[in-house]
Amino acid sequence: MKVILLIAHLMAIATATGMTIANYVNIRIASGEKGDRRAALVYLRRVLGRFADVVVAMIWITGLALWWTLPAEQGVSSWMHMLLFFAVTMTVCHGLARMTAGTMVRTGDTSLYPRMELLVSGVWISQLLAIIFAVLAVHG
């Protein structure tokens, strides 16, 4: 069971990381577009955002399930605390990015593109750091 959880967790992390890079590229391209091209890119981001909500939930579900399978004698290392910090940071940045995207859709305020770019960068960097600390927590 632990191996299946680990596979699901790693697949969710890989999917989230790839989607974050795709969204970052999308934001960079969309900020310079107008009309139908921008609308199509916004639609793509909205679809990816909904899918990302599920992927982030899967990261948390599988991650917490894996944590539960840790042997009691292993304890919680400082690496694990850092992993959790960046997992929370990733989730907060994702939530704020989704809220900002919603505001952009409702109001048409394109001046929020730099904020979206910053938040999506925060998601991506948090994901990378969480991966690093996960490896250190298990093997460090």
C-alpha atoms as a PDB file:
ATOM      1  CA  MET A   1       0.000   0.000   0.000  1.00  0.00           C
ATOM      2  CA  LYS A   2       2.823   2.395   0.853  1.00  0.00           C
ATOM      3  CA  VAL A   3       4.342   1.969  -2.625  1.00  0.00           C
ATOM      4  CA  ILE A   4       1.000   2.731  -4.287  1.00  0.00           C
ATOM      5  CA  LEU A   5       0.632   5.861  -2.131  1.00  0.00           C
ATOM      6  CA  LEU A   6       4.158   6.947  -3.026  1.00  0.00           C
ATOM      7  CA  ILE A   7       3.492   6.425  -6.752  1.00  0.00           C
ATOM      8  CA  ALA A   8       0.239   8.427  -6.552  1.00  0.00           C
ATOM      9  CA  HIS A   9       1.974  11.164  -4.554  1.00  0.00           C
ATOM     10  CA  LEU A  10       4.868  11.459  -7.009  1.00  0.00           C
ATOM     11  CA  MET A  11       2.491  11.475  -9.980  1.00  0.00           C
ATOM     12  CA  ALA A  12       0.452  14.273  -8.377  1.00  0.00           C
ATOM     13  CA  ILE A  13       3.608  16.286  -7.660  1.00  0.00           C
ATOM     14  CA  ALA A  14       4.861  15.829 -11.229  1.00  0.00           C
ATOM     15  CA  THR A  15       1.471  16.812 -12.643  1.00  0.00           C
ATOM     16  CA  ALA A  16       1.235  19.898 -10.420  1.00  0.00           C
ATOM     17  CA  THR A  17       4.750  21.036 -11.268  1.00  0.00           C
ATOM     18  CA  GLY A  18       4.148  20.668 -15.007  1.00  0.00           C
ATOM     19  CA  MET A  19       0.806  22.440 -14.800  1.00  0.00           C
ATOM     20  CA  THR A  20       2.385  25.304 -12.880  1.00  0.00           C
ATOM     21  CA  ILE A  21       5.008  25.811 -15.565  1.00  0.00           C
ATOM     22  CA  ALA A  22       2.290  25.669 -18.233  1.00  0.00           C
ATOM     23  CA  ASN A  23       0.247  28.287 -16.372  1.00  0.00           C
ATOM     24  CA  TYR A  24       3.288  30.537 -15.968  1.00  0.00           C
ATOM     25  CA  VAL A  25       3.958  30.396 -19.720  1.00  0.00           C
ATOM     26  CA  ASN A  26       0.244  30.972 -20.389  1.00  0.00           C
ATOM     27  CA  ILE A  27       0.221  34.081 -18.185  1.00  0.00           C
ATOM     28  CA  ARG A  28       3.311  35.491 -19.883  1.00  0.00           C
ATOM     29  CA  ILE A  29       1.803  34.977 -23.340  1.00  0.00           C
ATOM     30  CA  ALA A  30      -1.719  36.160 -22.402  1.00  0.00           C
ATOM     31  CA  SER A  31      -0.498  39.419 -20.881  1.00  0.00           C
ATOM     32  CA  GLY A  32       0.501  40.607 -24.353  1.00  0.00           C
ATOM     33  CA  GLU A  33      -2.544  39.328 -26.238  1.00  0.00           C
ATOM     34  CA  LYS A  34      -5.908  40.882 -26.981  1.00  0.00           C
ATOM     35  CA  GLY A  35      -9.359  39.701 -28.014  1.00  0.00           C
ATOM     36  CA  ASP A  36     -10.063  36.081 -28.857  1.00  0.00           C
ATOM     37  CA  ARG A  37      -6.474  34.916 -28.339  1.00  0.00           C
ATOM     38  CA  ARG A  38      -6.438  36.273 -24.787  1.00  0.00           C
ATOM     39  CA  ALA A  39      -9.909  34.825 -24.126  1.00  0.00           C
ATOM     40  CA  ALA A  40      -8.737  31.380 -25.274  1.00  0.00           C
ATOM     41  CA  LEU A  41      -5.689  31.538 -23.000  1.00  0.00           C
ATOM     42  CA  VAL A  42      -7.844  32.671 -20.068  1.00  0.00           C
ATOM     43  CA  TYR A  43     -10.209  29.756 -20.702  1.00  0.00           C
ATOM     44  CA  LEU A  44      -7.279  27.327 -20.754  1.00  0.00           C
ATOM     45  CA  ARG A  45      -6.018  28.722 -17.430  1.00  0.00           C
ATOM     46  CA  ARG A  46      -9.483  28.349 -15.890  1.00  0.00           C
ATOM     47  CA  VAL A  47      -9.688  24.695 -16.967  1.00  0.00           C
ATOM     48  CA  LEU A  48      -6.150  23.992 -15.742  1.00  0.00           C
ATOM     49  CA  GLY A  49      -6.952  25.807 -12.492  1.00  0.00           C
ATOM     50  CA  ARG A  50      -9.919  23.544 -11.764  1.00  0.00           C
ATOM     51  CA  PHE A  51      -7.820  20.491 -12.535  1.00  0.00           C
ATOM     52  CA  ALA A  52      -5.021  21.890 -10.344  1.00  0.00           C
ATOM     53  CA  ASP A  53      -7.443  22.128  -7.411  1.00  0.00           C
ATOM     54  CA  VAL A  54      -7.903  18.358  -7.616  1.00  0.00           C
ATOM     55  CA  VAL A  55      -4.172  17.742  -8.037  1.00  0.00           C
ATOM     56  CA  VAL A  56      -3.286  19.879  -4.996  1.00  0.00           C
ATOM     57  CA  ALA A  57      -5.889  17.974  -2.965  1.00  0.00           C
ATOM     58  CA  MET A  58      -4.341  14.683  -4.133  1.00  0.00           C
ATOM     59  CA  ILE A  59      -0.892  15.887  -3.072  1.00  0.00           C
ATOM     60  CA  TRP A  60      -2.223  16.597   0.418  1.00  0.00           C
ATOM     61  CA  ILE A  61      -4.237  13.373   0.691  1.00  0.00           C
ATOM     62  CA  THR A  62      -1.419  11.114  -0.469  1.00  0.00           C
ATOM     63  CA  GLY A  63       1.217  13.081   1.439  1.00  0.00           C
ATOM     64  CA  LEU A  64      -0.651  12.884   4.728  1.00  0.00           C
ATOM     65  CA  ALA A  65      -1.367   9.195   4.137  1.00  0.00           C
ATOM     66  CA  LEU A  66       2.354   8.598   3.533  1.00  0.00           C
ATOM     67  CA  TRP A  67       3.209  10.532   6.687  1.00  0.00           C
ATOM     68  CA  TRP A  68       0.884   8.273   8.617  1.00  0.00           C
ATOM     69  CA  THR A  69       2.802   5.228   7.327  1.00  0.00           C
ATOM     70  CA  LEU A  70       6.125   6.506   8.698  1.00  0.00           C
ATOM     71  CA  PRO A  71       7.554   4.323  11.453  1.00  0.00           C
ATOM     72  CA  ALA A  72       7.008   5.838  14.907  1.00  0.00           C
ATOM     73  CA  GLU A  73      10.725   5.643  15.689  1.00  0.00           C
ATOM     74  CA  GLN A  74      11.575   7.807  12.676  1.00  0.00           C
ATOM     75  CA  GLY A  75       9.951  10.876  14.230  1.00  0.00           C
ATOM     76  CA  VAL A  76       9.458  14.213  12.528  1.00  0.00           C
ATOM     77  CA  SER A  77      12.697  15.826  11.405  1.00  0.00           C
ATOM     78  CA  SER A  78      13.356  19.490  10.759  1.00  0.00           C
ATOM     79  CA  TRP A  79      13.414  18.563   7.051  1.00  0.00           C
ATOM     80  CA  MET A  80       9.811  17.385   7.390  1.00  0.00           C
ATOM     81  CA  HIS A  81       8.871  20.699   9.002  1.00  0.00           C
ATOM     82  CA  MET A  82      10.412  22.529   6.035  1.00  0.00           C
ATOM     83  CA  LEU A  83       8.572  20.227   3.623  1.00  0.00           C
ATOM     84  CA  LEU A  84       5.273  21.016   5.343  1.00  0.00           C
ATOM     85  CA  PHE A  85       6.056  24.742   5.355  1.00  0.00           C
ATOM     86  CA  PHE A  86       6.573  24.762   1.587  1.00  0.00           C
ATOM     87  CA  ALA A  87       3.553  22.516   0.990  1.00  0.00           C
ATOM     88  CA  VAL A  88       1.428  25.040   2.893  1.00  0.00           C
ATOM     89  CA  THR A  89       3.082  27.916   1.010  1.00  0.00           C
ATOM     90  CA  MET A  90       2.320  26.171  -2.298  1.00  0.00           C
ATOM     91  CA  THR A  91      -1.310  25.729  -1.275  1.00  0.00           C
ATOM     92  CA  VAL A  92      -1.697  29.352  -0.142  1.00  0.00           C
ATOM     93  CA  CYS A  93      -0.115  30.687  -3.357  1.00  0.00           C
ATOM     94  CA  HIS A  94      -2.358  28.393  -5.408  1.00  0.00           C
ATOM     95  CA  GLY A  95      -5.451  29.607  -3.546  1.00  0.00           C
ATOM     96  CA  LEU A  96      -4.484  33.265  -3.928  1.00  0.00           C
ATOM     97  CA  ALA A  97      -3.754  32.727  -7.628  1.00  0.00           C
ATOM     98  CA  ARG A  98      -7.200  31.152  -8.093  1.00  0.00           C
ATOM     99  CA  MET A  99      -8.815  34.083  -6.252  1.00  0.00           C
ATOM    100  CA  THR A 100      -6.880  36.602  -8.363  1.00  0.00           C
ATOM    101  CA  ALA A 101      -7.871  34.761 -11.551  1.00  0.00           C
ATOM    102  CA  GLY A 102     -11.506  34.903 -10.457  1.00  0.00           C
ATOM    103  CA  THR A 103     -11.222  38.632  -9.869  1.00  0.00           C
ATOM    104  CA  MET A 104      -9.636  39.080 -13.295  1.00  0.00           C
ATOM    105  CA  VAL A 105     -12.482  37.176 -14.973  1.00  0.00           C
ATOM    106  CA  ARG A 106     -15.221  39.041 -13.080  1.00  0.00           C
ATOM    107  CA  THR A 107     -13.751  42.530 -13.493  1.00  0.00           C
ATOM    108  CA  GLY A 108     -11.658  42.231 -16.645  1.00  0.00           C
ATOM    109  CA  ASP A 109      -8.781  43.859 -14.720  1.00  0.00           C
ATOM    110  CA  THR A 110      -5.692  42.976 -16.749  1.00  0.00           C
ATOM    111  CA  SER A 111      -3.458  44.956 -14.409  1.00  0.00           C
ATOM    112  CA  LEU A 112      -3.506  41.871 -12.151  1.00  0.00           C
ATOM    113  CA  TYR A 113      -1.289  39.859 -14.529  1.00  0.00           C
ATOM    114  CA  PRO A 114       1.907  40.714 -12.589  1.00  0.00           C
ATOM    115  CA  ARG A 115       0.275  39.496  -9.343  1.00  0.00           C
ATOM    116  CA  MET A 116      -0.762  36.256 -11.076  1.00  0.00           C
ATOM    117  CA  GLU A 117       2.765  35.808 -12.388  1.00  0.00           C
ATOM    118  CA  LEU A 118       4.179  36.304  -8.883  1.00  0.00           C
ATOM    119  CA  LEU A 119       1.711  33.883  -7.287  1.00  0.00           C
ATOM    120  CA  VAL A 120       2.252  31.185  -9.909  1.00  0.00           C
ATOM    121  CA  SER A 121       6.011  31.619  -9.421  1.00  0.00           C
ATOM    122  CA  GLY A 122       5.401  31.161  -5.691  1.00  0.00           C
ATOM    123  CA  VAL A 123       3.547  27.922  -6.372  1.00  0.00           C
ATOM    124  CA  TRP A 124       6.356  26.606  -8.573  1.00  0.00           C
ATOM    125  CA  ILE A 125       9.220  27.572  -6.257  1.00  0.00           C
ATOM    126  CA  SER A 126       7.338  26.135  -3.266  1.00  0.00           C
ATOM    127  CA  GLN A 127       6.820  22.888  -5.171  1.00  0.00           C
ATOM    128  CA  LEU A 128      10.513  22.630  -5.996  1.00  0.00           C
ATOM    129  CA  LEU A 129      11.571  23.334  -2.415  1.00  0.00           C
ATOM    130  CA  ALA A 130       8.996  20.871  -1.062  1.00  0.00           C
ATOM    131  CA  ILE A 131      10.444  18.191  -3.350  1.00  0.00           C
ATOM    132  CA  ILE A 132      13.969  18.937  -2.118  1.00  0.00           C
ATOM    133  CA  PHE A 133      12.937  18.795   1.539  1.00  0.00           C
ATOM    134  CA  ALA A 134      10.893  15.640   0.958  1.00  0.00           C
ATOM    135  CA  VAL A 135      14.016  13.880  -0.300  1.00  0.00           C
ATOM    136  CA  LEU A 136      16.015  15.199   2.649  1.00  0.00           C
ATOM    137  CA  ALA A 137      13.274  14.174   5.097  1.00  0.00           C
ATOM    138  CA  VAL A 138      13.292  10.605   3.832  1.00  0.00           C
ATOM    139  CA  HIS A 139      17.003  10.158   3.159  1.00  0.00           C
ATOM    140  CA  GLY A 140      18.670  12.979   5.124  1.00  0.00           C
END
